[in-house]
Amino acid sequence: MITEEELLLRMKPGCICKGIKLHIILKAIEDGATSFEEIAKITGIGGGSCKSKRCGEKVALLLKESLHHPDKKTSPP
């Protein structure tokens, strides 16, 4: 059964321009992606009209958090 937190992550935007949800980005980080470029290649984010301004900031925060807490599951900003 899906938890409330997982349900909320499935609804939150990760890349507004491309319509990619936050949980997809988090999964890429959990699976080992360590840069925006890797995450963009895996998820398809970053090629929208804002040229990565919105999702780029979000990904930078998520990557920073994952580096400081490698044993903890990444949480949204």
N, C-alpha and C. Protein backbone atom coordinates (compact mmCIF):
# COMPACT_ATOMS: atom_id res chain seq x y z
N MET A 1 0.84 -1.18 0.00
CA MET A 1 0.00 0.00 0.00
C MET A 1 0.89 1.25 0.00
N ILE A 2 0.51 2.22 -0.76
CA ILE A 2 1.28 3.46 -0.89
C ILE A 2 1.03 4.36 0.32
N THR A 3 2.12 4.97 0.82
CA THR A 3 2.00 5.85 1.98
C THR A 3 1.53 7.23 1.54
N GLU A 4 1.11 8.02 2.50
CA GLU A 4 0.67 9.38 2.20
C GLU A 4 1.81 10.21 1.62
N GLU A 5 3.01 10.05 2.18
CA GLU A 5 4.18 10.78 1.67
C GLU A 5 4.47 10.41 0.22
N GLU A 6 4.41 9.12 -0.11
CA GLU A 6 4.64 8.68 -1.48
C GLU A 6 3.58 9.23 -2.42
N LEU A 7 2.35 9.28 -1.96
CA LEU A 7 1.27 9.82 -2.76
C LEU A 7 1.49 11.29 -3.05
N LEU A 8 1.91 12.05 -2.04
CA LEU A 8 2.18 13.47 -2.23
C LEU A 8 3.33 13.69 -3.21
N LEU A 9 4.38 12.85 -3.11
CA LEU A 9 5.51 12.97 -4.03
C LEU A 9 5.09 12.70 -5.47
N ARG A 10 4.14 11.82 -5.65
CA ARG A 10 3.67 11.51 -7.00
C ARG A 10 2.89 12.67 -7.61
N MET A 11 2.39 13.57 -6.75
CA MET A 11 1.61 14.70 -7.22
C MET A 11 2.46 15.97 -7.41
N LYS A 12 3.57 16.08 -6.68
CA LYS A 12 4.39 17.30 -6.74
C LYS A 12 5.17 17.37 -8.04
N PRO A 13 5.24 18.58 -8.60
CA PRO A 13 6.01 18.73 -9.84
C PRO A 13 7.51 18.69 -9.58
N GLY A 14 8.23 18.09 -10.49
CA GLY A 14 9.70 18.10 -10.45
C GLY A 14 10.21 19.02 -11.54
N CYS A 15 9.65 18.87 -12.72
CA CYS A 15 9.96 19.73 -13.86
C CYS A 15 8.62 20.16 -14.44
N ILE A 16 8.26 21.40 -14.17
CA ILE A 16 6.95 21.91 -14.59
C ILE A 16 6.84 21.93 -16.11
N CYS A 17 7.89 22.38 -16.77
CA CYS A 17 7.85 22.51 -18.24
C CYS A 17 7.60 21.18 -18.94
N LYS A 18 8.22 20.13 -18.44
CA LYS A 18 8.11 18.81 -19.08
C LYS A 18 7.04 17.93 -18.44
N GLY A 19 6.45 18.38 -17.33
CA GLY A 19 5.40 17.61 -16.67
C GLY A 19 5.92 16.37 -15.95
N ILE A 20 7.16 16.42 -15.47
CA ILE A 20 7.77 15.27 -14.79
C ILE A 20 7.66 15.46 -13.29
N LYS A 21 7.15 14.46 -12.62
CA LYS A 21 6.88 14.55 -11.19
C LYS A 21 8.16 14.39 -10.36
N LEU A 22 8.13 14.93 -9.16
CA LEU A 22 9.26 14.94 -8.25
C LEU A 22 9.74 13.53 -7.91
N HIS A 23 8.84 12.60 -7.74
CA HIS A 23 9.24 11.25 -7.34
C HIS A 23 10.14 10.59 -8.39
N ILE A 24 10.01 10.98 -9.65
CA ILE A 24 10.87 10.44 -10.71
C ILE A 24 12.31 10.93 -10.50
N ILE A 25 12.46 12.20 -10.15
CA ILE A 25 13.79 12.78 -9.89
C ILE A 25 14.41 12.14 -8.66
N LEU A 26 13.61 11.98 -7.61
CA LEU A 26 14.11 11.37 -6.38
C LEU A 26 14.57 9.94 -6.62
N LYS A 27 13.84 9.21 -7.45
CA LYS A 27 14.22 7.83 -7.76
C LYS A 27 15.56 7.79 -8.48
N ALA A 28 15.78 8.73 -9.40
CA ALA A 28 17.05 8.78 -10.12
C ALA A 28 18.21 9.02 -9.15
N ILE A 29 18.01 9.89 -8.17
CA ILE A 29 19.05 10.16 -7.17
C ILE A 29 19.27 8.93 -6.30
N GLU A 30 18.21 8.30 -5.88
CA GLU A 30 18.32 7.09 -5.06
C GLU A 30 19.01 5.96 -5.83
N ASP A 31 18.84 5.94 -7.15
CA ASP A 31 19.46 4.91 -7.98
C ASP A 31 20.92 5.24 -8.34
N GLY A 32 21.41 6.39 -7.86
CA GLY A 32 22.83 6.68 -8.02
C GLY A 32 23.21 7.88 -8.87
N ALA A 33 22.25 8.58 -9.46
CA ALA A 33 22.58 9.77 -10.24
C ALA A 33 23.18 10.83 -9.32
N THR A 34 24.26 11.47 -9.77
CA THR A 34 24.96 12.43 -8.90
C THR A 34 25.13 13.81 -9.52
N SER A 35 24.51 14.05 -10.67
CA SER A 35 24.60 15.38 -11.29
C SER A 35 23.29 15.69 -12.01
N PHE A 36 23.11 16.98 -12.30
CA PHE A 36 21.92 17.38 -13.03
C PHE A 36 21.88 16.69 -14.39
N GLU A 37 23.03 16.61 -15.04
CA GLU A 37 23.10 16.01 -16.37
C GLU A 37 22.66 14.55 -16.35
N GLU A 38 23.11 13.80 -15.34
CA GLU A 38 22.70 12.39 -15.23
C GLU A 38 21.20 12.29 -14.99
N ILE A 39 20.69 13.12 -14.10
CA ILE A 39 19.26 13.09 -13.78
C ILE A 39 18.44 13.49 -15.01
N ALA A 40 18.91 14.51 -15.74
CA ALA A 40 18.20 14.94 -16.95
C ALA A 40 18.16 13.82 -17.98
N LYS A 41 19.26 13.11 -18.14
CA LYS A 41 19.32 12.01 -19.11
C LYS A 41 18.36 10.88 -18.73
N ILE A 42 18.29 10.58 -17.43
CA ILE A 42 17.44 9.49 -16.95
C ILE A 42 15.96 9.86 -16.99
N THR A 43 15.65 11.11 -16.59
CA THR A 43 14.25 11.49 -16.38
C THR A 43 13.62 12.31 -17.49
N GLY A 44 14.44 12.99 -18.28
CA GLY A 44 13.91 13.86 -19.32
C GLY A 44 13.69 15.29 -18.89
N ILE A 45 14.09 15.66 -17.68
CA ILE A 45 13.92 17.03 -17.22
C ILE A 45 14.93 17.94 -17.91
N GLY A 46 14.67 19.26 -17.84
CA GLY A 46 15.66 20.24 -18.25
C GLY A 46 15.56 20.77 -19.66
N GLY A 47 14.73 20.23 -20.49
CA GLY A 47 14.67 20.70 -21.87
C GLY A 47 13.46 21.57 -22.16
N GLY A 48 12.87 22.09 -21.13
CA GLY A 48 11.65 22.88 -21.32
C GLY A 48 11.91 24.35 -21.55
N SER A 49 10.84 25.12 -21.52
CA SER A 49 10.91 26.54 -21.85
C SER A 49 11.72 27.38 -20.86
N CYS A 50 11.87 26.93 -19.62
CA CYS A 50 12.62 27.71 -18.64
C CYS A 50 14.12 27.42 -18.70
N LYS A 51 14.53 26.49 -19.54
CA LYS A 51 15.95 26.13 -19.71
C LYS A 51 16.59 25.69 -18.39
N SER A 52 15.85 24.91 -17.61
CA SER A 52 16.33 24.29 -16.37
C SER A 52 16.42 25.24 -15.17
N LYS A 53 15.90 26.42 -15.28
CA LYS A 53 16.00 27.37 -14.15
C LYS A 53 15.24 26.87 -12.93
N ARG A 54 14.03 26.34 -13.13
CA ARG A 54 13.24 25.88 -11.99
C ARG A 54 13.69 24.52 -11.49
N CYS A 55 13.73 23.54 -12.38
CA CYS A 55 14.09 22.19 -11.94
C CYS A 55 15.58 22.10 -11.58
N GLY A 56 16.40 22.93 -12.21
CA GLY A 56 17.83 22.92 -11.90
C GLY A 56 18.10 23.27 -10.45
N GLU A 57 17.40 24.27 -9.94
CA GLU A 57 17.55 24.67 -8.53
C GLU A 57 17.07 23.56 -7.61
N LYS A 58 15.95 22.97 -7.95
CA LYS A 58 15.39 21.89 -7.15
C LYS A 58 16.34 20.69 -7.09
N VAL A 59 16.88 20.32 -8.24
CA VAL A 59 17.81 19.19 -8.31
C VAL A 59 19.09 19.49 -7.52
N ALA A 60 19.58 20.71 -7.61
CA ALA A 60 20.79 21.08 -6.86
C ALA A 60 20.56 20.91 -5.36
N LEU A 61 19.41 21.32 -4.87
CA LEU A 61 19.09 21.15 -3.44
C LEU A 61 18.99 19.67 -3.07
N LEU A 62 18.34 18.89 -3.91
CA LEU A 62 18.18 17.46 -3.63
C LEU A 62 19.53 16.74 -3.64
N LEU A 63 20.38 17.10 -4.58
CA LEU A 63 21.71 16.47 -4.64
C LEU A 63 22.56 16.86 -3.43
N LYS A 64 22.48 18.12 -3.04
CA LYS A 64 23.23 18.59 -1.87
C LYS A 64 22.78 17.83 -0.62
N GLU A 65 21.48 17.67 -0.48
CA GLU A 65 20.94 16.94 0.68
C GLU A 65 21.37 15.48 0.65
N SER A 66 21.38 14.87 -0.53
CA SER A 66 21.75 13.46 -0.62
C SER A 66 23.22 13.25 -0.31
N LEU A 67 24.07 14.24 -0.61
CA LEU A 67 25.49 14.13 -0.29
C LEU A 67 25.74 14.26 1.21
N HIS A 68 24.93 15.09 1.87
CA HIS A 68 25.09 15.28 3.32
C HIS A 68 24.49 14.15 4.13
N HIS A 69 23.54 13.43 3.54
CA HIS A 69 22.85 12.33 4.25
C HIS A 69 22.76 11.12 3.32
N PRO A 70 23.89 10.51 2.96
CA PRO A 70 23.86 9.41 1.98
C PRO A 70 23.09 8.18 2.44
N ASP A 71 22.95 7.98 3.75
CA ASP A 71 22.25 6.81 4.25
C ASP A 71 20.75 7.05 4.40
N LYS A 72 20.33 8.28 4.22
CA LYS A 72 18.93 8.65 4.38
C LYS A 72 18.26 8.77 3.01
N LYS A 73 17.02 8.34 2.93
CA LYS A 73 16.27 8.49 1.70
C LYS A 73 16.07 9.97 1.42
N THR A 74 16.26 10.40 0.18
CA THR A 74 16.15 11.79 -0.17
C THR A 74 14.73 12.27 0.01
N SER A 75 14.60 13.46 0.60
CA SER A 75 13.27 14.04 0.77
C SER A 75 13.17 15.32 -0.05
N PRO A 76 11.97 15.70 -0.40
CA PRO A 76 11.80 16.87 -1.24
C PRO A 76 12.15 18.15 -0.51
N PRO A 77 12.56 19.20 -1.26
CA PRO A 77 12.88 20.49 -0.64
C PRO A 77 11.65 21.20 -0.15
